[in-house]
Amino acid sequence: MALVDINDTVTTAQPTNAQAKMDLPPSMIERMTLILDAFDGRAARLTLEEIVCRTQLPRSTVHRILDQLVKLDWVEHASFGYYLGQRARGLGGGDGGHSQIREAAAPFLHELHLQTGMVVHLSVLDGRDIVYLDKVGGRFAAAIPSRVGGRARAHSTAGGKAILAWIDPERVDALFGATLPRCTENIIAEIGVLHQELNRIRQRRGLAFERDESARGLACVAAAIRGHDGPVGSIALCGDIRTTQLERVAPLVVDAAREISRSLYPELGAPRRGRNAPPTPTNTFSAETMDRVLAASTEQWI
């Protein structure tokens, strides 16, 4: 009768937990790469469980790394799941689609300037800042401390607040924390107050206002340019706070932002199922609606 070597039985046994853990990618960079590679295209939308399944990483590890990727804008998180963020999209497509946004917006920026004589900004969100993609203006433009490619704190500008109003509140918390940096005495400095302002913007159908916040003597009104999954940028009209009548130009900003959205995403005019982004407004403000909008926007300044 042949004897069985006990060592043979050990070598053919299933791997222990310790051995299984050794098979995991040893470095954080490798694990992050596995998670980013799980998104097989710019349009990929994945739940946490789908990412766990594709990467074969422990659920707690995937969740922890995703939290960090969201904070750093490599990945974005919405109610339906995760998708590639601005940084990841930029690596795959040059500038993250900024050229396309700028090209679509250009005629509307120039038309707004011709209609109002005011300075027009086109901005996108990058972390807790906005980046100016374009600036069109006349003599007053030199008095505004902004430039194409320049940055400003999103919570201090009308354009930034217009974008922040349409992203998840949890992401706003992750971006800013509890205390916000101040540029002037009128800037919002607490996260709770910022959330109150963002709620007012949503109640005003997306109109965001700025008075003496990012710069002294500056008044702006802005609206977000919105895509399938949320805002992709904003358009703002800015002028001298002593002479600018924001109520006169606010409907023009809303109309321009809506038309830019339609130019970028023609299919937005048709109903879409399974999308969580609020619908883009379809009608210009009536006189009655404008009165209510302006009443709400000026309450905090009285």
Protein backbone atom coordinates (compact mmCIF):
# COMPACT_ATOMS: atom_id res chain seq x y z
CA MET A 1 0.00 0.00 0.00
CA ALA A 2 1.45 3.37 -1.06
CA LEU A 3 1.97 5.96 1.59
CA VAL A 4 0.72 9.52 1.02
CA ASP A 5 3.17 12.24 1.92
CA ILE A 6 1.44 14.81 4.14
CA ASN A 7 3.38 17.57 2.35
CA ASP A 8 1.66 16.62 -0.92
CA THR A 9 -1.75 17.20 0.65
CA VAL A 10 -0.67 20.61 1.88
CA THR A 11 0.55 21.74 -1.53
CA THR A 12 -2.73 20.81 -3.23
CA ALA A 13 -4.96 22.47 -0.65
CA GLN A 14 -6.90 25.68 -1.37
CA PRO A 15 -4.96 28.95 -0.73
CA THR A 16 -5.32 30.36 2.73
CA ASN A 17 -6.69 33.85 3.41
CA ALA A 18 -3.14 35.10 3.85
CA GLN A 19 -2.15 33.69 0.49
CA ALA A 20 -5.22 35.23 -1.19
CA LYS A 21 -4.31 38.63 0.22
CA MET A 22 -0.82 38.26 -1.27
CA ASP A 23 -2.44 38.02 -4.71
CA LEU A 24 -3.87 41.56 -4.41
CA PRO A 25 -1.94 44.32 -6.19
CA PRO A 26 0.65 45.37 -3.62
CA SER A 27 0.68 49.11 -4.32
CA MET A 28 -2.00 51.78 -4.09
CA ILE A 29 -1.15 52.96 -7.62
CA GLU A 30 -1.88 49.50 -9.04
CA ARG A 31 -5.22 49.36 -7.23
CA MET A 32 -6.16 52.84 -8.41
CA THR A 33 -5.25 51.84 -11.97
CA LEU A 34 -7.45 48.75 -11.74
CA ILE A 35 -10.38 50.92 -10.64
CA LEU A 36 -9.89 53.53 -13.38
CA ASP A 37 -9.47 50.77 -15.98
CA ALA A 38 -12.87 49.39 -14.93
CA PHE A 39 -14.43 52.35 -16.75
CA ASP A 40 -14.26 51.12 -20.33
CA GLY A 41 -15.13 54.47 -21.86
CA ARG A 42 -15.89 58.12 -21.07
CA ALA A 43 -19.61 57.38 -20.93
CA ALA A 44 -19.30 54.40 -18.58
CA ARG A 45 -21.56 54.57 -15.52
CA LEU A 46 -20.76 51.98 -12.85
CA THR A 47 -22.15 51.15 -9.43
CA LEU A 48 -19.84 50.29 -6.55
CA GLU A 49 -20.72 46.61 -6.90
CA GLU A 50 -19.91 46.63 -10.62
CA ILE A 51 -16.49 48.15 -9.94
CA VAL A 52 -15.83 45.54 -7.24
CA CYS A 53 -16.78 42.78 -9.68
CA ARG A 54 -14.56 44.12 -12.47
CA THR A 55 -11.51 44.77 -10.30
CA GLN A 56 -11.81 41.75 -7.98
CA LEU A 57 -10.69 44.01 -5.14
CA PRO A 58 -12.27 43.96 -1.68
CA ARG A 59 -15.37 46.13 -1.48
CA SER A 60 -13.98 48.22 1.39
CA THR A 61 -10.78 48.88 -0.58
CA VAL A 62 -12.70 49.97 -3.68
CA HIS A 63 -14.97 52.26 -1.64
CA ARG A 64 -12.04 53.88 0.17
CA ILE A 65 -10.06 54.50 -3.05
CA LEU A 66 -13.13 55.82 -4.88
CA ASP A 67 -13.68 58.36 -2.11
CA GLN A 68 -10.16 59.68 -2.68
CA LEU A 69 -10.55 59.69 -6.47
CA VAL A 70 -13.78 61.68 -6.15
CA LYS A 71 -12.11 64.28 -3.93
CA LEU A 72 -9.31 64.67 -6.49
CA ASP A 73 -11.69 64.86 -9.50
CA TRP A 74 -10.46 61.63 -11.12
CA VAL A 75 -13.93 60.13 -10.62
CA GLU A 76 -17.33 61.71 -10.06
CA HIS A 77 -20.17 60.27 -7.98
CA ALA A 78 -23.87 60.73 -8.66
CA SER A 79 -26.99 58.99 -7.39
CA PHE A 80 -26.78 56.38 -10.17
CA GLY A 81 -23.12 55.50 -9.59
CA TYR A 82 -19.62 56.55 -10.57
CA TYR A 83 -18.17 57.93 -13.81
CA LEU A 84 -14.85 59.36 -14.95
CA GLY A 85 -14.12 62.84 -13.68
CA GLN A 86 -12.64 65.89 -15.33
CA ARG A 87 -9.01 64.90 -14.76
CA ALA A 88 -9.46 61.42 -16.24
CA ARG A 89 -11.43 62.74 -19.21
CA GLY A 90 -8.77 65.38 -19.81
CA LEU A 91 -6.03 62.75 -20.04
CA GLY A 92 -7.98 60.87 -22.65
CA GLY A 93 -9.15 63.82 -24.69
CA GLY A 94 -6.71 66.70 -24.42
CA ASP A 95 -8.62 69.32 -22.46
CA GLY A 96 -11.60 67.44 -21.09
CA GLY A 97 -13.97 68.86 -23.70
CA HIS A 98 -13.19 72.50 -22.91
CA SER A 99 -12.51 73.36 -26.55
CA GLN A 100 -15.91 72.02 -27.52
CA ILE A 101 -17.64 74.06 -24.80
CA ARG A 102 -15.75 77.20 -25.78
CA GLU A 103 -16.55 76.75 -29.46
CA ALA A 104 -20.26 76.20 -28.78
CA ALA A 105 -20.45 79.20 -26.44
CA ALA A 106 -18.43 81.72 -28.48
CA PRO A 107 -21.28 83.21 -30.59
CA PHE A 108 -23.51 83.57 -27.54
CA LEU A 109 -20.78 85.31 -25.53
CA HIS A 110 -20.30 87.91 -28.26
CA GLU A 111 -24.04 88.37 -28.70
CA LEU A 112 -24.51 88.93 -24.96
CA HIS A 113 -21.75 91.52 -24.94
CA LEU A 114 -23.28 93.34 -27.92
CA GLN A 115 -26.73 93.30 -26.28
CA THR A 116 -25.63 94.50 -22.86
CA GLY A 117 -22.19 96.11 -23.15
CA MET A 118 -21.17 94.00 -20.14
CA VAL A 119 -18.28 91.59 -19.60
CA VAL A 120 -19.12 87.94 -20.30
CA HIS A 121 -17.34 85.00 -18.65
CA LEU A 122 -17.39 81.34 -19.65
CA SER A 123 -16.21 79.10 -16.80
CA VAL A 124 -15.82 75.46 -15.79
CA LEU A 125 -15.37 73.90 -12.37
CA ASP A 126 -11.94 72.49 -11.44
CA GLY A 127 -11.85 71.29 -7.86
CA ARG A 128 -12.95 74.13 -5.61
CA ASP A 129 -12.06 76.73 -8.27
CA ILE A 130 -13.53 77.87 -11.52
CA VAL A 131 -11.32 78.24 -14.58
CA TYR A 132 -12.16 80.96 -17.10
CA LEU A 133 -12.35 79.46 -20.59
CA ASP A 134 -13.26 82.75 -22.25
CA LYS A 135 -13.80 86.43 -21.48
CA VAL A 136 -15.48 88.95 -23.75
CA GLY A 137 -15.87 92.61 -22.82
CA GLY A 138 -15.30 96.24 -23.55
CA ARG A 139 -13.64 98.96 -21.52
CA PHE A 140 -14.83 97.58 -18.18
CA ALA A 141 -13.10 94.23 -18.86
CA ALA A 142 -9.73 95.61 -17.76
CA ALA A 143 -11.18 96.50 -14.36
CA ILE A 144 -12.21 92.90 -13.64
CA PRO A 145 -9.35 90.75 -12.25
CA SER A 146 -10.02 87.74 -14.46
CA ARG A 147 -8.25 86.31 -17.49
CA VAL A 148 -8.65 83.36 -19.82
CA GLY A 149 -7.02 80.40 -18.10
CA GLY A 150 -7.18 82.15 -14.73
CA ARG A 151 -8.86 80.83 -11.60
CA ALA A 152 -11.19 82.06 -8.87
CA ARG A 153 -12.78 80.41 -5.85
CA ALA A 154 -16.05 78.90 -7.07
CA HIS A 155 -18.04 79.91 -3.99
CA SER A 156 -17.06 83.58 -4.49
CA THR A 157 -18.35 83.94 -8.05
CA ALA A 158 -21.78 83.87 -9.66
CA GLY A 159 -20.48 81.46 -12.31
CA GLY A 160 -19.06 79.10 -9.72
CA LYS A 161 -22.19 79.10 -7.57
CA ALA A 162 -24.34 78.47 -10.66
CA ILE A 163 -22.38 75.25 -11.25
CA LEU A 164 -22.24 74.17 -7.59
CA ALA A 165 -26.02 74.47 -7.30
CA TRP A 166 -26.47 71.48 -9.64
CA ILE A 167 -23.93 69.02 -8.21
CA ASP A 168 -24.48 66.66 -5.29
CA PRO A 169 -24.33 68.40 -1.88
CA GLU A 170 -21.99 65.63 -0.66
CA ARG A 171 -19.50 66.59 -3.34
CA VAL A 172 -19.74 70.25 -2.33
CA ASP A 173 -18.91 69.19 1.24
CA ALA A 174 -15.95 67.13 0.01
CA LEU A 175 -14.62 70.03 -2.06
CA PHE A 176 -14.82 72.78 0.55
CA GLY A 177 -14.94 71.36 4.05
CA ALA A 178 -16.46 73.36 6.90
CA THR A 179 -14.65 76.70 6.46
CA LEU A 180 -14.36 78.57 3.17
CA PRO A 181 -11.57 81.06 2.33
CA ARG A 182 -12.62 84.73 2.21
CA CYS A 183 -11.62 87.22 -0.48
CA THR A 184 -13.86 90.09 0.68
CA GLU A 185 -16.07 90.69 3.70
CA ASN A 186 -19.17 89.78 1.64
CA ILE A 187 -18.02 86.33 0.55
CA ILE A 188 -19.70 83.21 1.98
CA ALA A 189 -17.38 81.75 4.63
CA GLU A 190 -19.34 78.78 6.05
CA ILE A 191 -20.43 75.59 4.30
CA GLY A 192 -23.94 75.76 5.80
CA VAL A 193 -24.47 79.26 4.42
CA LEU A 194 -23.18 78.11 1.02
CA HIS A 195 -25.73 75.28 0.94
CA GLN A 196 -28.49 77.78 1.75
CA GLU A 197 -27.37 79.97 -1.15
CA LEU A 198 -27.18 77.01 -3.53
CA ASN A 199 -30.73 76.06 -2.55
CA ARG A 200 -31.89 79.62 -3.33
CA ILE A 201 -30.22 79.36 -6.73
CA ARG A 202 -32.14 76.17 -7.50
CA GLN A 203 -35.37 77.86 -6.42
CA ARG A 204 -34.54 80.69 -8.85
CA ARG A 205 -34.35 78.18 -11.70
CA GLY A 206 -30.55 78.32 -11.68
CA LEU A 207 -29.88 82.06 -11.50
CA ALA A 208 -26.84 82.88 -9.35
CA PHE A 209 -25.89 86.38 -8.22
CA GLU A 210 -22.67 87.96 -7.00
CA ARG A 211 -22.21 91.38 -5.42
CA ASP A 212 -18.86 92.56 -4.00
CA GLU A 213 -17.71 88.96 -3.45
CA SER A 214 -14.87 87.90 -5.75
CA ALA A 215 -13.86 91.54 -6.27
CA ARG A 216 -14.96 94.89 -4.89
CA GLY A 217 -17.34 96.88 -7.03
CA LEU A 218 -18.33 93.88 -9.15
CA ALA A 219 -21.89 92.62 -9.77
CA CYS A 220 -22.59 89.45 -11.77
CA VAL A 221 -25.44 87.14 -12.70
CA ALA A 222 -24.84 83.62 -14.03
CA ALA A 223 -26.52 80.40 -15.10
CA ALA A 224 -25.11 76.90 -15.59
CA ILE A 225 -24.60 75.15 -18.91
CA ARG A 226 -26.01 71.71 -18.22
CA GLY A 227 -25.46 68.31 -19.79
CA HIS A 228 -26.86 64.83 -19.26
CA ASP A 229 -25.25 64.27 -15.86
CA GLY A 230 -25.14 67.79 -14.49
CA PRO A 231 -23.42 71.11 -15.16
CA VAL A 232 -20.50 71.32 -17.60
CA GLY A 233 -19.84 75.05 -17.17
CA SER A 234 -21.47 78.43 -16.67
CA ILE A 235 -21.96 81.75 -18.38
CA ALA A 236 -21.95 85.02 -16.43
CA LEU A 237 -22.57 88.71 -17.14
CA CYS A 238 -20.54 91.14 -15.02
CA GLY A 239 -20.55 94.89 -14.57
CA ASP A 240 -20.02 97.80 -12.22
CA ILE A 241 -22.10 97.32 -9.09
CA ARG A 242 -23.02 101.03 -9.10
CA THR A 243 -24.67 100.98 -12.52
CA THR A 244 -25.47 97.34 -13.36
CA GLN A 245 -29.11 96.28 -13.31
CA LEU A 246 -28.92 92.52 -12.95
CA GLU A 247 -32.69 92.13 -13.23
CA ARG A 248 -32.59 93.56 -16.75
CA VAL A 249 -30.03 91.08 -18.09
CA ALA A 250 -30.84 87.94 -16.05
CA PRO A 251 -33.27 86.47 -18.65
CA LEU A 252 -30.62 86.90 -21.36
CA VAL A 253 -28.14 84.83 -19.34
CA VAL A 254 -30.66 82.04 -18.81
CA ASP A 255 -31.53 81.95 -22.51
CA ALA A 256 -27.86 81.90 -23.57
CA ALA A 257 -26.98 79.07 -21.16
CA ARG A 258 -29.94 77.05 -22.40
CA GLU A 259 -28.99 77.55 -26.06
CA ILE A 260 -25.38 76.55 -25.41
CA SER A 261 -26.62 73.40 -23.67
CA ARG A 262 -28.78 72.59 -26.70
CA SER A 263 -25.87 73.20 -29.04
CA LEU A 264 -23.67 70.80 -27.07
CA TYR A 265 -26.41 68.23 -26.40
CA PRO A 266 -29.13 68.46 -29.10
CA GLU A 267 -30.86 65.37 -27.73
CA LEU A 268 -31.64 67.14 -24.44
CA GLY A 269 -34.82 68.47 -26.02
CA ALA A 270 -36.29 64.95 -25.97
CA PRO A 271 -37.40 63.23 -22.75
CA ARG A 272 -34.72 60.95 -21.31
CA ARG A 273 -35.46 58.11 -18.93
CA GLY A 274 -33.18 57.12 -16.12
CA ARG A 275 -31.42 60.47 -15.88
CA ASN A 276 -31.26 62.31 -12.58
CA ALA A 277 -30.15 65.71 -13.83
CA PRO A 278 -32.98 68.26 -13.53
CA PRO A 279 -34.51 69.26 -16.88
CA THR A 280 -33.24 72.36 -18.60
CA PRO A 281 -35.77 75.23 -18.52
CA THR A 282 -37.61 75.67 -21.80
CA ASN A 283 -39.31 79.06 -21.45
CA THR A 284 -38.02 82.57 -20.99
CA PHE A 285 -39.06 84.25 -17.75
CA SER A 286 -42.44 85.94 -17.74
CA ALA A 287 -42.73 89.33 -16.08
CA GLU A 288 -44.45 87.76 -13.05
CA THR A 289 -41.77 85.09 -12.69
CA MET A 290 -39.03 87.67 -13.03
CA ASP A 291 -40.54 89.69 -10.16
CA ARG A 292 -40.48 86.62 -7.91
CA VAL A 293 -36.93 85.74 -8.96
CA LEU A 294 -35.62 89.20 -8.22
CA ALA A 295 -37.45 89.39 -4.91
CA ALA A 296 -35.81 86.16 -3.80
CA SER A 297 -32.38 87.23 -5.06
CA THR A 298 -32.37 90.53 -3.21
CA GLU A 299 -33.66 89.32 0.18
CA GLN A 300 -30.15 88.55 1.44
CA TRP A 301 -28.88 92.00 0.46
CA ILE A 302 -31.52 94.03 2.29
